[in-house]
PDB file of N, CA and C in Angstrom:
ATOM      1  N   MET A   1     123.306 135.105  74.421  1.00  0.00           N
ATOM      2  CA  MET A   1     123.148 133.758  74.905  1.00  0.00           C
ATOM      3  C   MET A   1     123.985 132.826  74.034  1.00  0.00           C
ATOM      4  N   LYS A   2     124.745 131.971  74.663  1.00  0.00           N
ATOM      5  CA  LYS A   2     125.588 131.028  73.936  1.00  0.00           C
ATOM      6  C   LYS A   2     124.718 129.968  73.255  1.00  0.00           C
ATOM      7  N   PRO A   3     125.232 129.382  72.178  1.00  0.00           N
ATOM      8  CA  PRO A   3     124.426 128.403  71.434  1.00  0.00           C
ATOM      9  C   PRO A   3     123.947 127.217  72.277  1.00  0.00           C
ATOM     10  N   ALA A   4     124.779 126.700  73.141  1.00  0.00           N
ATOM     11  CA  ALA A   4     124.375 125.556  73.965  1.00  0.00           C
ATOM     12  C   ALA A   4     123.271 125.961  74.940  1.00  0.00           C
ATOM     13  N   ALA A   5     123.390 127.139  75.516  1.00  0.00           N
ATOM     14  CA  ALA A   5     122.361 127.623  76.435  1.00  0.00           C
ATOM     15  C   ALA A   5     121.059 127.885  75.686  1.00  0.00           C
ATOM     16  N   ARG A   6     121.157 128.420  74.483  1.00  0.00           N
ATOM     17  CA  ARG A   6     119.963 128.682  73.681  1.00  0.00           C
ATOM     18  C   ARG A   6     119.266 127.364  73.327  1.00  0.00           C
ATOM     19  N   PHE A   7     120.046 126.356  72.952  1.00  0.00           N
ATOM     20  CA  PHE A   7     119.493 125.040  72.628  1.00  0.00           C
ATOM     21  C   PHE A   7     118.781 124.440  73.842  1.00  0.00           C
ATOM     22  N   ALA A   8     119.420 124.520  75.001  1.00  0.00           N
ATOM     23  CA  ALA A   8     118.822 123.977  76.223  1.00  0.00           C
ATOM     24  C   ALA A   8     117.542 124.732  76.571  1.00  0.00           C
ATOM     25  N   PHE A   9     117.552 126.050  76.416  1.00  0.00           N
ATOM     26  CA  PHE A   9     116.373 126.870  76.695  1.00  0.00           C
ATOM     27  C   PHE A   9     115.206 126.456  75.799  1.00  0.00           C
ATOM     28  N   VAL A  10     115.462 126.326  74.500  1.00  0.00           N
ATOM     29  CA  VAL A  10     114.409 125.949  73.557  1.00  0.00           C
ATOM     30  C   VAL A  10     113.887 124.552  73.871  1.00  0.00           C
ATOM     31  N   LEU A  11     114.778 123.637  74.176  1.00  0.00           N
ATOM     32  CA  LEU A  11     114.371 122.266  74.498  1.00  0.00           C
ATOM     33  C   LEU A  11     113.500 122.231  75.749  1.00  0.00           C
ATOM     34  N   LEU A  12     113.877 122.971  76.766  1.00  0.00           N
ATOM     35  CA  LEU A  12     113.097 123.009  78.001  1.00  0.00           C
ATOM     36  C   LEU A  12     111.714 123.613  77.767  1.00  0.00           C
ATOM     37  N   ILE A  13     111.650 124.669  76.970  1.00  0.00           N
ATOM     38  CA  ILE A  13     110.361 125.292  76.662  1.00  0.00           C
ATOM     39  C   ILE A  13     109.478 124.324  75.874  1.00  0.00           C
ATOM     40  N   LEU A  14     110.058 123.600  74.915  1.00  0.00           N
ATOM     41  CA  LEU A  14     109.276 122.649  74.128  1.00  0.00           C
ATOM     42  C   LEU A  14     108.699 121.530  74.996  1.00  0.00           C
ATOM     43  N   VAL A  15     109.479 121.043  75.933  1.00  0.00           N
ATOM     44  CA  VAL A  15     108.993 119.986  76.829  1.00  0.00           C
ATOM     45  C   VAL A  15     107.881 120.535  77.726  1.00  0.00           C
ATOM     46  N   ALA A  16     108.060 121.750  78.237  1.00  0.00           N
ATOM     47  CA  ALA A  16     107.018 122.364  79.067  1.00  0.00           C
ATOM     48  C   ALA A  16     105.734 122.560  78.258  1.00  0.00           C
ATOM     49  N   LEU A  17     105.857 123.001  77.016  1.00  0.00           N
ATOM     50  CA  LEU A  17     104.684 123.185  76.163  1.00  0.00           C
ATOM     51  C   LEU A  17     104.002 121.860  75.847  1.00  0.00           C
ATOM     52  N   ALA A  18     104.774 120.810  75.652  1.00  0.00           N
ATOM     53  CA  ALA A  18     104.192 119.494  75.388  1.00  0.00           C
ATOM     54  C   ALA A  18     103.355 119.029  76.582  1.00  0.00           C
ATOM     55  N   HIS A  19     103.854 119.232  77.779  1.00  0.00           N
ATOM     56  CA  HIS A  19     103.094 118.848  78.966  1.00  0.00           C
ATOM     57  C   HIS A  19     101.862 119.733  79.132  1.00  0.00           C
ATOM     58  N   LEU A  20     101.999 121.004  78.822  1.00  0.00           N
ATOM     59  CA  LEU A  20     100.854 121.907  78.910  1.00  0.00           C
ATOM     60  C   LEU A  20      99.771 121.501  77.910  1.00  0.00           C
ATOM     61  N   LEU A  21     100.176 121.170  76.698  1.00  0.00           N
ATOM     62  CA  LEU A  21      99.214 120.710  75.691  1.00  0.00           C
ATOM     63  C   LEU A  21      98.550 119.407  76.121  1.00  0.00           C
ATOM     64  N   ARG A  22      99.311 118.537  76.752  1.00  0.00           N
ATOM     65  CA  ARG A  22      98.727 117.285  77.242  1.00  0.00           C
ATOM     66  C   ARG A  22      97.603 117.582  78.228  1.00  0.00           C
ATOM     67  N   MET A  23      97.821 118.557  79.103  1.00  0.00           N
ATOM     68  CA  MET A  23      96.792 118.899  80.076  1.00  0.00           C
ATOM     69  C   MET A  23      95.600 119.573  79.409  1.00  0.00           C
ATOM     70  N   LEU A  24      95.851 120.502  78.481  1.00  0.00           N
ATOM     71  CA  LEU A  24      94.758 121.226  77.824  1.00  0.00           C
ATOM     72  C   LEU A  24      93.909 120.320  76.936  1.00  0.00           C
ATOM     73  N   LEU A  25      94.542 119.358  76.277  1.00  0.00           N
ATOM     74  CA  LEU A  25      93.828 118.460  75.370  1.00  0.00           C
ATOM     75  C   LEU A  25      93.369 117.169  76.051  1.00  0.00           C
ATOM     76  N   SER A  26      93.679 117.014  77.319  1.00  0.00           N
ATOM     77  CA  SER A  26      93.313 115.831  78.106  1.00  0.00           C
ATOM     78  C   SER A  26      93.760 114.532  77.440  1.00  0.00           C
ATOM     79  N   VAL A  27      95.015 114.485  77.066  1.00  0.00           N
ATOM     80  CA  VAL A  27      95.583 113.287  76.442  1.00  0.00           C
ATOM     81  C   VAL A  27      95.998 112.312  77.541  1.00  0.00           C
ATOM     82  N   ASP A  28      95.488 111.087  77.439  1.00  0.00           N
ATOM     83  CA  ASP A  28      95.851 110.052  78.405  1.00  0.00           C
ATOM     84  C   ASP A  28      97.139 109.362  77.959  1.00  0.00           C
ATOM     85  N   ILE A  29      98.012 109.117  78.916  1.00  0.00           N
ATOM     86  CA  ILE A  29      99.262 108.415  78.641  1.00  0.00           C
ATOM     87  C   ILE A  29      99.306 107.171  79.514  1.00  0.00           C
ATOM     88  N   VAL A  30      99.602 106.046  78.880  1.00  0.00           N
ATOM     89  CA  VAL A  30      99.725 104.780  79.600  1.00  0.00           C
ATOM     90  C   VAL A  30     101.130 104.242  79.342  1.00  0.00           C
ATOM     91  N   ALA A  31     101.860 104.019  80.417  1.00  0.00           N
ATOM     92  CA  ALA A  31     103.220 103.492  80.316  1.00  0.00           C
ATOM     93  C   ALA A  31     103.269 102.134  81.006  1.00  0.00           C
ATOM     94  N   ARG A  32     103.521 101.090  80.218  1.00  0.00           N
ATOM     95  CA  ARG A  32     103.584  99.717  80.719  1.00  0.00           C
ATOM     96  C   ARG A  32     102.318  99.331  81.474  1.00  0.00           C
ATOM     97  N   GLY A  33     101.174  99.790  80.970  1.00  0.00           N
ATOM     98  CA  GLY A  33      99.899  99.426  81.566  1.00  0.00           C
ATOM     99  C   GLY A  33      99.459 100.296  82.726  1.00  0.00           C
ATOM    100  N   ILE A  34     100.241 101.296  83.076  1.00  0.00           N
ATOM    101  CA  ILE A  34      99.909 102.180  84.199  1.00  0.00           C
ATOM    102  C   ILE A  34      99.598 103.563  83.648  1.00  0.00           C
ATOM    103  N   ALA A  35      98.429 104.102  83.990  1.00  0.00           N
ATOM    104  CA  ALA A  35      98.032 105.435  83.537  1.00  0.00           C
ATOM    105  C   ALA A  35      98.822 106.499  84.294  1.00  0.00           C
ATOM    106  N   VAL A  36      99.368 107.449  83.548  1.00  0.00           N
ATOM    107  CA  VAL A  36     100.123 108.552  84.149  1.00  0.00           C
ATOM    108  C   VAL A  36      99.134 109.672  84.476  1.00  0.00           C
ATOM    109  N   PRO A  37      99.032 110.082  85.750  1.00  0.00           N
ATOM    110  CA  PRO A  37      98.063 111.106  86.123  1.00  0.00           C
ATOM    111  C   PRO A  37      98.405 112.484  85.541  1.00  0.00           C
ATOM    112  N   MET A  38      97.392 113.326  85.419  1.00  0.00           N
ATOM    113  CA  MET A  38      97.581 114.677  84.880  1.00  0.00           C
ATOM    114  C   MET A  38      98.450 115.535  85.794  1.00  0.00           C
ATOM    115  N   TRP A  39      98.401 115.290  87.095  1.00  0.00           N
ATOM    116  CA  TRP A  39      99.169 116.137  87.993  1.00  0.00           C
ATOM    117  C   TRP A  39     100.677 116.003  87.748  1.00  0.00           C
ATOM    118  N   VAL A  40     101.096 114.898  87.167  1.00  0.00           N
ATOM    119  CA  VAL A  40     102.511 114.729  86.832  1.00  0.00           C
ATOM    120  C   VAL A  40     102.910 115.759  85.780  1.00  0.00           C
ATOM    121  N   SER A  41     102.026 115.977  84.795  1.00  0.00           N
ATOM    122  CA  SER A  41     102.310 116.980  83.771  1.00  0.00           C
ATOM    123  C   SER A  41     102.275 118.387  84.348  1.00  0.00           C
ATOM    124  N   ALA A  42     101.395 118.625  85.320  1.00  0.00           N
ATOM    125  CA  ALA A  42     101.342 119.949  85.948  1.00  0.00           C
ATOM    126  C   ALA A  42     102.671 120.261  86.650  1.00  0.00           C
ATOM    127  N   ILE A  43     103.196 119.290  87.344  1.00  0.00           N
ATOM    128  CA  ILE A  43     104.487 119.475  88.014  1.00  0.00           C
ATOM    129  C   ILE A  43     105.600 119.630  86.977  1.00  0.00           C
ATOM    130  N   ALA A  44     105.537 118.850  85.908  1.00  0.00           N
ATOM    131  CA  ALA A  44     106.559 118.927  84.854  1.00  0.00           C
ATOM    132  C   ALA A  44     106.561 120.297  84.190  1.00  0.00           C
ATOM    133  N   VAL A  45     105.379 120.879  83.963  1.00  0.00           N
ATOM    134  CA  VAL A  45     105.311 122.223  83.377  1.00  0.00           C
ATOM    135  C   VAL A  45     106.022 123.214  84.280  1.00  0.00           C
ATOM    136  N   LEU A  46     105.739 123.152  85.559  1.00  0.00           N
ATOM    137  CA  LEU A  46     106.375 124.084  86.502  1.00  0.00           C
ATOM    138  C   LEU A  46     107.889 123.909  86.537  1.00  0.00           C
ATOM    139  N   ILE A  47     108.339 122.672  86.558  1.00  0.00           N
ATOM    140  CA  ILE A  47     109.785 122.417  86.646  1.00  0.00           C
ATOM    141  C   ILE A  47     110.501 122.845  85.365  1.00  0.00           C
ATOM    142  N   PHE A  48     110.021 122.365  84.199  1.00  0.00           N
ATOM    143  CA  PHE A  48     110.713 122.661  82.949  1.00  0.00           C
ATOM    144  C   PHE A  48     110.645 124.144  82.596  1.00  0.00           C
ATOM    145  N   ALA A  49     109.493 124.771  82.790  1.00  0.00           N
ATOM    146  CA  ALA A  49     109.386 126.209  82.511  1.00  0.00           C
ATOM    147  C   ALA A  49     110.230 127.002  83.499  1.00  0.00           C
ATOM    148  N   GLY A  50     110.245 126.570  84.753  1.00  0.00           N
ATOM    149  CA  GLY A  50     111.051 127.259  85.758  1.00  0.00           C
ATOM    150  C   GLY A  50     112.538 127.193  85.455  1.00  0.00           C
ATOM    151  N   VAL A  51     113.017 126.037  85.063  1.00  0.00           N
ATOM    152  CA  VAL A  51     114.435 125.896  84.722  1.00  0.00           C
ATOM    153  C   VAL A  51     114.760 126.685  83.454  1.00  0.00           C
ATOM    154  N   ALA A  52     113.832 126.730  82.497  1.00  0.00           N
ATOM    155  CA  ALA A  52     114.049 127.511  81.276  1.00  0.00           C
ATOM    156  C   ALA A  52     114.164 129.000  81.592  1.00  0.00           C
ATOM    157  N   VAL A  53     113.273 129.496  82.435  1.00  0.00           N
ATOM    158  CA  VAL A  53     113.337 130.916  82.828  1.00  0.00           C
ATOM    159  C   VAL A  53     114.611 131.188  83.608  1.00  0.00           C
ATOM    160  N   TRP A  54     114.985 130.287  84.468  1.00  0.00           N
ATOM    161  CA  TRP A  54     116.211 130.418  85.251  1.00  0.00           C
ATOM    162  C   TRP A  54     117.424 130.493  84.320  1.00  0.00           C
ATOM    163  N   LEU A  55     117.463 129.627  83.334  1.00  0.00           N
ATOM    164  CA  LEU A  55     118.563 129.629  82.366  1.00  0.00           C
ATOM    165  C   LEU A  55     118.584 130.919  81.562  1.00  0.00           C
ATOM    166  N   TRP A  56     117.423 131.377  81.136  1.00  0.00           N
ATOM    167  CA  TRP A  56     117.324 132.624  80.363  1.00  0.00           C
ATOM    168  C   TRP A  56     117.799 133.810  81.176  1.00  0.00           C
ATOM    169  N   ARG A  57     117.343 133.900  82.439  1.00  0.00           N
ATOM    170  CA  ARG A  57     117.760 135.020  83.293  1.00  0.00           C
ATOM    171  C   ARG A  57     119.263 134.959  83.602  1.00  0.00           C
ATOM    172  N   GLU A  58     119.778 133.758  83.790  1.00  0.00           N
ATOM    173  CA  GLU A  58     121.201 133.580  84.086  1.00  0.00           C
ATOM    174  C   GLU A  58     122.062 134.015  82.907  1.00  0.00           C
ATOM    175  N   SER A  59     121.594 133.746  81.696  1.00  0.00           N
ATOM    176  CA  SER A  59     122.382 134.085  80.520  1.00  0.00           C
ATOM    177  C   SER A  59     122.296 135.569  80.172  1.00  0.00           C
ATOM    178  N   ARG A  60     121.327 136.276  80.718  1.00  0.00           N
ATOM    179  CA  ARG A  60     121.155 137.705  80.436  1.00  0.00           C
ATOM    180  C   ARG A  60     122.096 138.577  81.264  1.00  0.00           C
ATOM    181  N   VAL A  61     122.730 138.023  82.267  1.00  0.00           N
ATOM    182  CA  VAL A  61     123.602 138.793  83.170  1.00  0.00           C
ATOM    183  C   VAL A  61     124.910 139.121  82.514  1.00  0.00           C
TER     184      VAL A  61
END
């Protein structure tokens, strides 16, 4: 895996883990007075983890 791809993979996994931890620990996030729902983090986990796996599989070829 090239260094740039490895960096992107690690970054994507870290963001997915942060959203997963937010859901597990029930951390509330308020942005400009508006509460961000938990389902946003659920979708973010799927997207970021999915792109990370996609990048990992692509680099293994």
